[in-house]
N, C-alpha and C. Protein backbone atom coordinates (compact mmCIF):
# COMPACT_ATOMS: atom_id res chain seq x y z
N MET A 1 0.83 -1.18 0.00
CA MET A 1 0.00 0.00 0.00
C MET A 1 0.88 1.24 0.00
N ILE A 2 0.36 2.27 -0.60
CA ILE A 2 1.05 3.55 -0.65
C ILE A 2 0.12 4.62 -0.09
N ARG A 3 0.63 5.36 0.88
CA ARG A 3 -0.13 6.47 1.49
C ARG A 3 0.56 7.78 1.11
N LEU A 4 -0.23 8.72 0.64
CA LEU A 4 0.27 10.06 0.33
C LEU A 4 -0.49 11.08 1.15
N ASN A 5 0.25 11.98 1.75
CA ASN A 5 -0.33 13.17 2.39
C ASN A 5 0.20 14.35 1.61
N CYS A 6 -0.69 15.12 1.05
CA CYS A 6 -0.29 16.26 0.23
C CYS A 6 -0.90 17.53 0.84
N PHE A 7 -0.03 18.40 1.31
CA PHE A 7 -0.46 19.63 1.95
C PHE A 7 -0.50 20.77 0.94
N PHE A 8 -1.50 21.64 1.08
CA PHE A 8 -1.66 22.78 0.19
C PHE A 8 -1.77 24.05 1.01
N ALA A 9 -1.03 25.08 0.62
CA ALA A 9 -1.14 26.42 1.20
C ALA A 9 -1.45 27.39 0.06
N SER A 10 -2.53 28.15 0.20
CA SER A 10 -2.98 28.99 -0.91
C SER A 10 -2.31 30.35 -0.94
N LYS A 11 -2.30 30.91 -2.13
CA LYS A 11 -1.97 32.31 -2.31
C LYS A 11 -3.16 33.11 -1.77
N GLU A 12 -2.90 34.33 -1.43
CA GLU A 12 -3.97 35.17 -0.88
C GLU A 12 -5.15 35.26 -1.84
N GLY A 13 -6.34 34.98 -1.32
CA GLY A 13 -7.56 35.09 -2.10
C GLY A 13 -7.85 33.92 -3.04
N ARG A 14 -7.05 32.86 -3.02
CA ARG A 14 -7.21 31.76 -3.97
C ARG A 14 -7.65 30.44 -3.31
N TYR A 15 -7.86 30.46 -2.00
CA TYR A 15 -8.17 29.23 -1.28
C TYR A 15 -9.43 28.54 -1.79
N ASN A 16 -10.53 29.27 -1.91
CA ASN A 16 -11.79 28.65 -2.32
C ASN A 16 -11.70 28.03 -3.71
N GLU A 17 -11.02 28.71 -4.61
CA GLU A 17 -10.82 28.18 -5.97
C GLU A 17 -10.06 26.85 -5.92
N ALA A 18 -9.01 26.81 -5.10
CA ALA A 18 -8.22 25.58 -4.97
C ALA A 18 -9.03 24.47 -4.31
N LEU A 19 -9.79 24.81 -3.29
CA LEU A 19 -10.59 23.79 -2.60
C LEU A 19 -11.64 23.20 -3.52
N GLU A 20 -12.26 24.00 -4.36
CA GLU A 20 -13.23 23.48 -5.32
C GLU A 20 -12.58 22.47 -6.26
N ALA A 21 -11.39 22.78 -6.75
CA ALA A 21 -10.66 21.83 -7.61
C ALA A 21 -10.29 20.58 -6.82
N ALA A 22 -9.90 20.74 -5.57
CA ALA A 22 -9.55 19.60 -4.72
C ALA A 22 -10.75 18.68 -4.50
N LEU A 23 -11.90 19.25 -4.32
CA LEU A 23 -13.10 18.44 -4.12
C LEU A 23 -13.49 17.69 -5.40
N ARG A 24 -13.32 18.33 -6.55
CA ARG A 24 -13.57 17.63 -7.82
C ARG A 24 -12.60 16.47 -7.99
N LEU A 25 -11.32 16.72 -7.70
CA LEU A 25 -10.30 15.68 -7.81
C LEU A 25 -10.60 14.53 -6.85
N THR A 26 -10.99 14.86 -5.65
CA THR A 26 -11.29 13.83 -4.65
C THR A 26 -12.45 12.95 -5.10
N ALA A 27 -13.52 13.54 -5.55
CA ALA A 27 -14.69 12.78 -5.99
C ALA A 27 -14.33 11.83 -7.13
N ALA A 28 -13.57 12.30 -8.10
CA ALA A 28 -13.18 11.46 -9.24
C ALA A 28 -12.19 10.37 -8.80
N SER A 29 -11.27 10.71 -7.94
CA SER A 29 -10.23 9.76 -7.51
C SER A 29 -10.82 8.60 -6.71
N GLN A 30 -11.83 8.88 -5.91
CA GLN A 30 -12.46 7.83 -5.09
C GLN A 30 -13.05 6.72 -5.96
N LEU A 31 -13.34 7.01 -7.21
CA LEU A 31 -13.94 6.04 -8.12
C LEU A 31 -12.90 5.24 -8.91
N GLN A 32 -11.64 5.63 -8.83
CA GLN A 32 -10.61 4.99 -9.64
C GLN A 32 -10.21 3.64 -9.05
N GLU A 33 -9.92 2.71 -9.95
CA GLU A 33 -9.47 1.38 -9.55
C GLU A 33 -8.17 1.49 -8.76
N GLY A 34 -8.12 0.78 -7.64
CA GLY A 34 -6.92 0.77 -6.82
C GLY A 34 -6.91 1.80 -5.71
N CYS A 35 -7.93 2.65 -5.67
CA CYS A 35 -8.03 3.65 -4.61
C CYS A 35 -8.64 2.99 -3.38
N ILE A 36 -7.89 2.98 -2.29
CA ILE A 36 -8.41 2.47 -1.02
C ILE A 36 -9.15 3.59 -0.29
N SER A 37 -8.54 4.77 -0.26
CA SER A 37 -9.20 5.94 0.32
C SER A 37 -8.59 7.20 -0.29
N TYR A 38 -9.41 8.24 -0.33
CA TYR A 38 -8.97 9.52 -0.89
C TYR A 38 -9.87 10.57 -0.28
N ASP A 39 -9.29 11.51 0.43
CA ASP A 39 -10.09 12.55 1.07
C ASP A 39 -9.30 13.84 1.14
N VAL A 40 -10.00 14.92 1.39
CA VAL A 40 -9.37 16.22 1.57
C VAL A 40 -9.89 16.79 2.88
N PHE A 41 -8.96 17.34 3.67
CA PHE A 41 -9.28 17.88 4.98
C PHE A 41 -8.83 19.33 5.07
N GLU A 42 -9.68 20.18 5.64
CA GLU A 42 -9.30 21.57 5.87
C GLU A 42 -8.64 21.70 7.23
N SER A 43 -7.64 22.54 7.32
CA SER A 43 -6.95 22.79 8.58
C SER A 43 -7.88 23.50 9.56
N GLY A 44 -7.82 23.07 10.80
CA GLY A 44 -8.59 23.74 11.86
C GLY A 44 -7.84 24.90 12.47
N THR A 45 -6.57 25.06 12.10
CA THR A 45 -5.75 26.11 12.72
C THR A 45 -5.22 27.15 11.74
N ARG A 46 -5.26 26.83 10.44
CA ARG A 46 -4.76 27.77 9.43
C ARG A 46 -5.80 27.91 8.32
N ASP A 47 -6.21 29.15 8.07
CA ASP A 47 -7.31 29.41 7.13
C ASP A 47 -6.98 29.08 5.68
N ASN A 48 -5.72 29.03 5.33
CA ASN A 48 -5.35 28.87 3.92
C ASN A 48 -4.75 27.50 3.61
N VAL A 49 -5.01 26.49 4.45
CA VAL A 49 -4.36 25.19 4.29
C VAL A 49 -5.39 24.06 4.26
N PHE A 50 -5.18 23.12 3.33
CA PHE A 50 -5.89 21.84 3.36
C PHE A 50 -4.92 20.73 3.03
N MET A 51 -5.37 19.48 3.21
CA MET A 51 -4.51 18.33 2.99
C MET A 51 -5.29 17.21 2.30
N PHE A 52 -4.68 16.64 1.28
CA PHE A 52 -5.18 15.39 0.70
C PHE A 52 -4.57 14.24 1.49
N CYS A 53 -5.37 13.25 1.76
CA CYS A 53 -4.87 12.01 2.36
C CYS A 53 -5.39 10.89 1.46
N GLU A 54 -4.46 10.18 0.83
CA GLU A 54 -4.88 9.15 -0.14
C GLU A 54 -4.08 7.87 0.07
N THR A 55 -4.75 6.74 -0.18
CA THR A 55 -4.11 5.44 -0.06
C THR A 55 -4.43 4.63 -1.31
N TRP A 56 -3.38 4.04 -1.88
CA TRP A 56 -3.49 3.26 -3.12
C TRP A 56 -2.97 1.86 -2.89
N VAL A 57 -3.54 0.88 -3.62
CA VAL A 57 -3.13 -0.51 -3.44
C VAL A 57 -1.73 -0.78 -3.96
N SER A 58 -1.28 0.00 -4.96
CA SER A 58 0.01 -0.29 -5.58
C SER A 58 0.55 0.94 -6.31
N GLN A 59 1.81 0.85 -6.69
CA GLN A 59 2.41 1.91 -7.50
C GLN A 59 1.72 2.00 -8.86
N GLU A 60 1.34 0.86 -9.41
CA GLU A 60 0.65 0.85 -10.71
C GLU A 60 -0.66 1.63 -10.64
N ALA A 61 -1.44 1.43 -9.57
CA ALA A 61 -2.70 2.17 -9.41
C ALA A 61 -2.43 3.66 -9.25
N LEU A 62 -1.40 4.01 -8.48
CA LEU A 62 -1.04 5.41 -8.29
C LEU A 62 -0.58 6.04 -9.60
N ASP A 63 0.20 5.30 -10.38
CA ASP A 63 0.66 5.81 -11.68
C ASP A 63 -0.52 6.10 -12.61
N LYS A 64 -1.50 5.20 -12.64
CA LYS A 64 -2.69 5.41 -13.48
C LYS A 64 -3.45 6.65 -13.02
N HIS A 65 -3.57 6.79 -11.72
CA HIS A 65 -4.24 7.97 -11.16
C HIS A 65 -3.51 9.25 -11.58
N SER A 66 -2.20 9.24 -11.41
CA SER A 66 -1.39 10.43 -11.70
C SER A 66 -1.41 10.80 -13.18
N ALA A 67 -1.68 9.85 -14.04
CA ALA A 67 -1.73 10.09 -15.48
C ALA A 67 -3.15 10.41 -15.97
N SER A 68 -4.13 10.30 -15.07
CA SER A 68 -5.52 10.51 -15.49
C SER A 68 -5.78 11.97 -15.86
N GLU A 69 -6.71 12.16 -16.74
CA GLU A 69 -7.06 13.50 -17.22
C GLU A 69 -7.51 14.41 -16.08
N VAL A 70 -8.33 13.87 -15.19
CA VAL A 70 -8.84 14.69 -14.09
C VAL A 70 -7.71 15.09 -13.14
N PHE A 71 -6.76 14.19 -12.88
CA PHE A 71 -5.62 14.52 -12.02
C PHE A 71 -4.81 15.66 -12.63
N VAL A 72 -4.45 15.51 -13.89
CA VAL A 72 -3.62 16.52 -14.55
C VAL A 72 -4.31 17.88 -14.54
N LYS A 73 -5.59 17.90 -14.86
CA LYS A 73 -6.35 19.15 -14.93
C LYS A 73 -6.49 19.80 -13.56
N GLU A 74 -6.95 19.04 -12.57
CA GLU A 74 -7.25 19.63 -11.27
C GLU A 74 -5.98 19.96 -10.48
N VAL A 75 -4.94 19.16 -10.59
CA VAL A 75 -3.69 19.49 -9.90
C VAL A 75 -3.08 20.76 -10.48
N ALA A 76 -3.16 20.94 -11.78
CA ALA A 76 -2.67 22.18 -12.39
C ALA A 76 -3.44 23.38 -11.84
N ALA A 77 -4.75 23.24 -11.71
CA ALA A 77 -5.57 24.32 -11.18
C ALA A 77 -5.20 24.62 -9.73
N ILE A 78 -4.98 23.58 -8.94
CA ILE A 78 -4.62 23.75 -7.54
C ILE A 78 -3.25 24.41 -7.42
N GLN A 79 -2.29 23.95 -8.20
CA GLN A 79 -0.94 24.51 -8.13
C GLN A 79 -0.91 25.98 -8.54
N ASP A 80 -1.80 26.37 -9.42
CA ASP A 80 -1.88 27.76 -9.82
C ASP A 80 -2.32 28.65 -8.66
N CYS A 81 -2.99 28.05 -7.69
CA CYS A 81 -3.55 28.80 -6.55
C CYS A 81 -2.63 28.82 -5.33
N GLY A 82 -1.55 28.07 -5.35
CA GLY A 82 -0.69 28.02 -4.18
C GLY A 82 0.41 26.99 -4.31
N HIS A 83 0.80 26.41 -3.18
CA HIS A 83 1.94 25.50 -3.13
C HIS A 83 1.53 24.15 -2.54
N LEU A 84 1.94 23.05 -3.20
CA LEU A 84 1.70 21.69 -2.72
C LEU A 84 2.99 21.09 -2.18
N LYS A 85 2.88 20.33 -1.08
CA LYS A 85 4.00 19.60 -0.52
C LYS A 85 3.55 18.16 -0.28
N LEU A 86 4.29 17.20 -0.81
CA LEU A 86 3.91 15.79 -0.77
C LEU A 86 4.77 15.01 0.22
N GLU A 87 4.10 14.16 1.02
CA GLU A 87 4.77 13.18 1.87
C GLU A 87 4.31 11.80 1.43
N ARG A 88 5.22 10.85 1.34
CA ARG A 88 4.90 9.50 0.85
C ARG A 88 5.32 8.46 1.87
N PHE A 89 4.45 7.47 2.07
CA PHE A 89 4.72 6.36 2.99
C PHE A 89 4.31 5.07 2.30
N GLU A 90 5.16 4.05 2.41
CA GLU A 90 4.82 2.74 1.82
C GLU A 90 4.74 1.71 2.93
N PHE A 91 3.75 0.83 2.80
CA PHE A 91 3.51 -0.22 3.80
C PHE A 91 3.70 -1.58 3.18
């Protein structure tokens, strides 16, 4: 299994735009083969931060996800609104 935690910090005034893209990405990703879990959480302490928490059955499933049209489109939209930082854990 592969677990990814991806943190996002928005540029001023761009948080809602990024969160909307994150929610679209989350909904589509939850339906993809090999997805064990995929969610987005808003920070309770910082107004401009959210985090993706995702778990995949294998590198192959993660690679397919990363190459999907929705991933490419929505991640580009999110990155335009701020900064992403990825943490990866393998079990």
